[in-house]
Protein backbone atom coordinates (compact mmCIF):
# COMPACT_ATOMS: atom_id res chain seq x y z
CA MET A 1 -0.03 -0.01 0.28
CA ARG A 2 1.36 3.30 -1.11
CA ILE A 3 -0.48 6.26 0.44
CA LEU A 4 0.02 9.89 -1.18
CA ILE A 5 -1.65 12.90 0.89
CA ILE A 6 -1.75 15.95 -1.23
CA HIS A 7 -1.10 18.63 1.10
CA ASN A 8 -2.12 22.89 0.60
CA GLN A 9 -0.15 24.11 3.36
CA TYR A 10 3.07 23.29 5.19
CA TRP A 11 2.41 24.31 8.71
CA ALA A 12 -1.48 23.43 9.52
CA HIS A 13 -0.80 22.19 12.66
CA TYR A 14 -3.88 20.37 13.64
CA LYS A 15 -3.60 18.35 10.33
CA SER A 16 0.18 17.70 10.89
CA LYS A 17 -0.87 16.13 14.35
CA LEU A 18 -3.35 14.31 11.79
CA PHE A 19 -0.70 12.80 9.79
CA PHE A 20 1.66 12.11 12.75
CA GLU A 21 -0.86 9.90 13.87
CA ILE A 22 -1.66 8.25 10.55
CA TYR A 23 1.56 7.64 10.24
CA GLU A 24 2.58 6.37 13.89
CA GLU A 25 -0.09 3.92 13.21
CA LEU A 26 0.69 2.94 9.21
CA LYS A 27 4.28 1.74 11.49
CA LYS A 28 2.38 -0.81 13.85
CA THR A 29 -0.70 -1.62 11.51
CA GLN A 30 0.80 -1.55 7.87
CA PRO A 31 5.30 -1.69 8.36
CA GLN A 32 5.46 -2.70 4.64
CA SER A 33 3.57 0.58 3.55
CA HIS A 34 4.64 3.79 2.00
CA PHE A 35 3.49 6.91 3.03
CA GLU A 36 4.29 10.52 2.29
CA VAL A 37 1.89 14.21 2.51
CA VAL A 38 3.53 16.62 -0.30
CA HIS A 39 2.59 19.76 0.47
CA ILE A 40 2.15 22.70 -2.20
CA ALA A 41 3.00 25.72 -0.65
CA MET A 42 3.80 27.13 2.54
CA TYR A 43 1.13 28.75 3.69
CA GLU A 44 -1.99 30.98 2.68
CA ALA A 45 -1.03 34.63 2.70
CA SER A 46 -3.45 35.73 5.45
CA ARG A 47 -2.37 33.09 7.73
CA LYS A 48 1.33 33.60 6.89
CA GLY A 49 1.80 34.82 10.97
CA MET A 50 0.58 31.55 12.20
CA LYS A 51 2.85 29.32 11.21
CA ASP A 52 4.46 26.35 13.70
CA HIS A 53 7.73 26.49 16.02
CA ALA A 54 10.64 24.65 15.63
CA LYS A 55 9.60 22.83 18.97
CA PHE A 56 5.88 21.89 17.70
CA GLN A 57 7.02 19.58 14.71
CA TYR A 58 5.39 16.31 14.55
CA ALA A 59 7.20 14.14 12.18
CA TYR A 60 6.20 11.89 9.14
CA PRO A 61 7.46 11.29 5.60
CA ASN A 62 6.64 14.80 4.12
CA SER A 63 8.07 17.17 1.34
CA MET A 64 7.11 20.65 -0.03
CA VAL A 65 7.14 22.04 -3.76
CA TYR A 66 7.05 25.61 -3.36
CA ASP A 67 8.30 28.03 -0.61
CA LYS A 68 5.52 30.42 -0.91
CA SER A 69 2.44 31.28 -0.01
CA LEU A 70 -0.79 29.10 -1.97
CA GLU A 71 -1.94 32.39 -3.66
CA GLU A 72 1.87 32.62 -5.62
CA VAL A 73 1.19 29.19 -7.23
CA GLY A 74 -0.28 29.41 -10.75
CA PHE A 75 -2.50 26.62 -11.90
CA LYS A 76 -0.39 25.43 -14.52
CA ALA A 77 2.37 25.26 -12.28
CA LYS A 78 0.59 23.31 -9.64
CA LEU A 79 -0.78 21.24 -11.90
CA VAL A 80 2.38 20.56 -13.34
CA ALA A 81 4.13 19.66 -10.08
CA LEU A 82 1.11 17.73 -9.39
CA PHE A 83 1.06 15.05 -11.54
CA GLN A 84 4.96 14.82 -11.19
CA THR A 85 4.23 14.22 -7.78
CA PHE A 86 1.92 11.47 -8.46
CA HIS A 87 4.34 9.62 -11.32
CA LYS A 88 7.02 9.76 -9.02
CA GLN A 89 5.88 8.55 -5.72
CA LYS A 90 3.43 5.62 -7.14
CA PRO A 91 0.41 5.53 -5.01
CA THR A 92 -2.46 2.98 -4.87
CA ILE A 93 -4.63 5.32 -2.64
CA LEU A 94 -4.36 9.21 -3.41
CA ASN A 95 -5.83 11.89 -0.26
CA VAL A 96 -6.61 14.98 -1.60
CA THR A 97 -7.66 17.96 0.67
CA GLY A 98 -10.45 19.79 -1.01
CA TYR A 99 -12.41 19.57 -4.41
CA PHE A 100 -12.40 23.58 -5.00
CA ASP A 101 -8.61 23.18 -6.46
CA PRO A 102 -9.27 23.07 -10.11
CA ALA A 103 -5.65 21.05 -9.63
CA GLN A 104 -6.51 18.59 -7.27
CA VAL A 105 -9.57 17.81 -8.79
CA LEU A 106 -7.85 16.48 -12.50
CA LEU A 107 -5.80 15.16 -10.36
CA MET A 108 -8.34 13.00 -8.54
CA LEU A 109 -9.91 12.39 -12.17
CA TYR A 110 -6.46 10.93 -13.33
CA ALA A 111 -5.64 8.39 -10.66
CA ARG A 112 -9.02 7.11 -10.58
CA LEU A 113 -8.20 6.22 -14.61
CA ARG A 114 -4.88 4.47 -13.77
CA GLY A 115 -7.29 2.17 -10.93
CA VAL A 116 -5.91 4.41 -7.83
CA LYS A 117 -8.34 4.81 -5.24
CA VAL A 118 -9.12 8.08 -4.07
CA VAL A 119 -10.09 9.58 -0.50
CA LEU A 120 -11.35 13.14 -0.52
CA SER A 121 -10.82 15.09 2.38
CA SER A 122 -13.72 17.30 3.31
CA GLU A 123 -13.93 20.39 5.84
CA SER A 124 -16.94 21.93 3.67
CA SER A 125 -20.55 22.65 5.25
CA THR A 126 -23.70 24.42 4.18
CA LEU A 127 -22.97 27.25 5.56
CA ASP A 128 -19.83 28.38 4.26
CA HIS A 129 -21.01 30.00 0.94
CA GLN A 130 -24.07 30.56 -1.13
CA ARG A 131 -25.30 27.56 -2.58
CA SER A 132 -26.92 27.27 -6.19
CA ALA A 133 -28.00 24.53 -8.04
CA ILE A 134 -25.52 24.83 -10.73
CA LYS A 135 -22.52 25.09 -8.24
CA GLU A 136 -24.09 21.86 -6.38
CA GLY A 137 -24.46 19.95 -9.56
CA ILE A 138 -21.11 20.28 -9.99
CA LYS A 139 -19.93 19.02 -6.74
CA LYS A 140 -21.48 16.58 -6.99
CA GLY A 141 -20.03 15.52 -10.24
CA ILE A 142 -16.63 15.99 -8.27
CA VAL A 143 -17.37 14.05 -5.27
CA SER A 144 -18.42 10.74 -7.47
CA LEU A 145 -14.41 11.06 -8.74
CA ALA A 146 -13.63 9.37 -4.89
CA ASN A 147 -13.86 6.15 -3.47
CA LYS A 148 -14.33 7.54 0.30
CA PHE A 149 -14.39 10.65 2.55
CA PHE A 150 -12.79 11.87 5.21
CA CYS A 151 -14.38 14.32 7.49
CA PHE A 152 -13.33 16.58 10.01
CA GLY A 153 -16.75 17.20 11.85
CA THR A 154 -20.59 16.50 11.85
CA SER A 155 -21.29 19.40 9.55
CA SER A 156 -19.08 18.12 6.71
CA THR A 157 -20.22 14.58 6.51
CA THR A 158 -24.31 15.82 6.51
CA TYR A 159 -23.49 18.64 3.55
CA LEU A 160 -21.35 15.43 1.78
CA LYS A 161 -24.30 12.93 2.59
CA SER A 162 -26.49 15.88 1.00
CA LEU A 163 -24.63 15.93 -2.54
CA GLY A 164 -25.30 12.07 -2.32
CA ILE A 165 -22.47 10.05 -0.93
CA PRO A 166 -24.06 7.48 1.32
CA ASP A 167 -22.97 7.15 4.67
CA SER A 168 -21.13 3.46 4.34
CA ASP A 169 -18.16 5.70 2.11
CA ILE A 170 -17.67 8.24 4.83
CA PRO A 171 -15.87 6.06 7.65
CA VAL A 172 -14.29 9.08 8.98
CA GLN A 173 -16.81 10.87 10.32
CA ASN A 174 -15.43 13.43 13.37
CA ALA A 175 -11.39 13.56 12.82
CA ALA A 176 -11.16 17.33 14.29
CA VAL A 177 -7.53 17.50 15.69
CA VAL A 178 -5.95 19.12 17.73
CA ASP A 179 -3.30 18.32 20.48
CA GLU A 180 -4.73 18.63 23.87
CA GLU A 181 -1.36 18.31 25.84
CA VAL A 182 0.70 21.16 23.80
CA ILE A 183 -3.23 23.41 23.95
CA TYR A 184 -3.57 22.97 27.89
CA LYS A 185 -0.28 22.92 28.93
CA GLU A 186 -0.03 26.75 27.63
CA TYR A 187 -2.98 27.70 28.72
CA ILE A 188 -2.53 26.51 32.43
CA GLN A 189 0.72 27.88 32.38
CA SER A 190 -0.40 31.59 31.11
CA LYS A 191 -3.84 31.49 33.45
CA SER A 192 -3.95 33.92 36.13
CA SER A 193 -6.17 33.84 39.16
CA ALA A 194 -6.08 37.39 40.08
CA PRO A 195 -9.82 39.02 40.23
CA SER A 196 -10.24 41.65 37.86
CA PRO A 197 -12.83 44.16 36.81
CA ILE A 198 -12.22 44.17 33.24
CA ARG A 199 -14.13 41.62 31.01
CA LYS A 200 -12.48 40.52 28.32
CA PHE A 201 -13.91 39.00 25.05
CA ILE A 202 -12.07 37.21 22.44
CA TYR A 203 -12.47 36.69 19.07
CA VAL A 204 -9.61 33.98 17.32
CA GLY A 205 -10.33 33.01 13.66
CA ARG A 206 -10.05 34.45 10.58
CA LEU A 207 -11.09 38.15 9.54
CA ALA A 208 -13.11 37.33 6.53
CA ALA A 209 -16.16 38.43 5.84
CA GLU A 210 -18.44 35.21 5.66
CA LYS A 211 -17.21 34.96 9.76
CA ASN A 212 -19.86 38.33 9.56
CA LEU A 213 -17.59 40.34 12.22
CA PRO A 214 -19.07 43.73 11.67
CA MET A 215 -21.97 41.99 13.64
CA LEU A 216 -19.97 40.95 16.78
CA VAL A 217 -18.78 44.43 16.69
CA GLN A 218 -22.31 45.87 16.30
CA ALA A 219 -23.53 43.51 19.24
CA PHE A 220 -20.72 44.54 21.57
CA VAL A 221 -20.72 48.63 20.92
CA ALA A 222 -24.81 48.31 21.51
CA ALA A 223 -23.73 46.53 25.07
CA THR A 224 -21.37 48.25 26.27
CA SER A 225 -22.64 51.64 25.29
CA GLY A 226 -26.41 50.46 27.53
CA LEU A 227 -23.79 49.27 30.69
CA ALA A 228 -22.49 51.24 33.34
CA ALA A 229 -19.78 48.98 33.54
CA GLY A 230 -19.46 49.03 29.79
CA LYS A 231 -16.31 50.88 29.85
CA ASP A 232 -14.47 48.38 31.27
CA TRP A 233 -15.22 45.80 28.93
CA GLN A 234 -12.83 44.59 26.04
CA LEU A 235 -12.94 43.16 22.98
CA MET A 236 -10.01 41.45 20.78
CA PHE A 237 -9.89 40.14 17.86
CA VAL A 238 -6.85 37.28 17.29
CA GLY A 239 -6.49 36.40 13.61
CA ASP A 240 -6.16 38.06 10.33
CA GLY A 241 -7.55 38.36 6.76
CA PRO A 242 -8.35 39.60 3.91
CA GLU A 243 -10.78 42.02 6.16
CA ALA A 244 -8.71 43.31 8.90
CA THR A 245 -8.51 47.03 6.94
CA ALA A 246 -12.22 47.23 7.01
CA LEU A 247 -12.82 45.93 10.61
CA LYS A 248 -9.76 48.50 12.17
CA ALA A 249 -11.53 51.32 10.18
CA LEU A 250 -14.77 50.50 11.98
CA THR A 251 -13.48 50.03 15.18
CA GLN A 252 -11.17 52.99 15.12
CA SER A 253 -13.06 55.44 17.89
CA HIS A 254 -13.18 52.43 20.11
CA PRO A 255 -10.46 52.06 21.85
CA ASN A 256 -11.27 49.08 24.39
CA ILE A 257 -11.61 47.06 20.32
CA THR A 258 -8.11 45.65 19.69
CA PHE A 259 -6.41 43.31 17.42
CA ALA A 260 -3.47 41.56 18.21
CA GLY A 261 -2.88 40.15 14.83
CA GLY A 262 -2.37 36.53 13.19
CA MET A 263 -0.04 34.29 15.67
CA PRO A 264 1.01 31.04 15.77
CA TRP A 265 -1.67 27.58 17.05
CA TYR A 266 0.11 27.27 20.21
CA GLU A 267 0.28 31.43 21.53
CA VAL A 268 -3.48 31.42 21.14
CA PRO A 269 -4.45 29.59 24.36
CA ARG A 270 -2.36 32.20 26.34
CA LYS A 271 -5.08 34.90 24.97
CA LEU A 272 -7.43 32.56 25.85
CA ALA A 273 -6.59 32.61 29.36
CA GLU A 274 -6.17 36.02 29.02
CA SER A 275 -9.98 36.42 28.56
CA ASP A 276 -12.93 35.86 30.14
């Protein structure tokens, strides 16, 4: 058995933890198997500041095609690299990480034509984007190329079922992975027991339009303006993304709303520990 996993970016810690655990299990149960993760690029541009630290590396066979952002890799360059990788690795099982990438979709089709089993990882849900009959029809055609599916949560499983995928073809339906030991340790070390009149709210995630963050700002401003204690409330955004500039402009007259920027995953628990 030769397993090839195509992943968009190098540093995503929860995927790295997952790949590490799969590799460790394979060494125990399938010691003759070959396992390789090929990362297309270093990071997504909006998440550049979230790269891992050397002390949190997870050991599994892997390589990276382009040492730059995913957005800097054009379709043709990506397609050529993926097909070269496929022929070099000669997989019997191919795992791709999404049907949104035309290059990976073409690789899925090519793999099926060559008799290679295809596993499609999915994090999509019905709430991600506006849906249309045409788009959903195209997606049904794309997902039909896969033999099995790997989902990171129940919402992803539900969405795949809405596209006609039977439950029996989704053997992994809830594979959300975090390094609980690291996160808990960082949180406990940063947690203070000292009482404080300040009430700190926090948002952690991408600053993107689909998150509807202006509503959060409006709700926070409305709540604090109607309370005497509101002057002691704070809201912090942890993350980066395409809506950062617009959100900062929206909140510039509210000094109790701050932006910490993007940061590595293992630093986030410290911000959570400082918050209420």
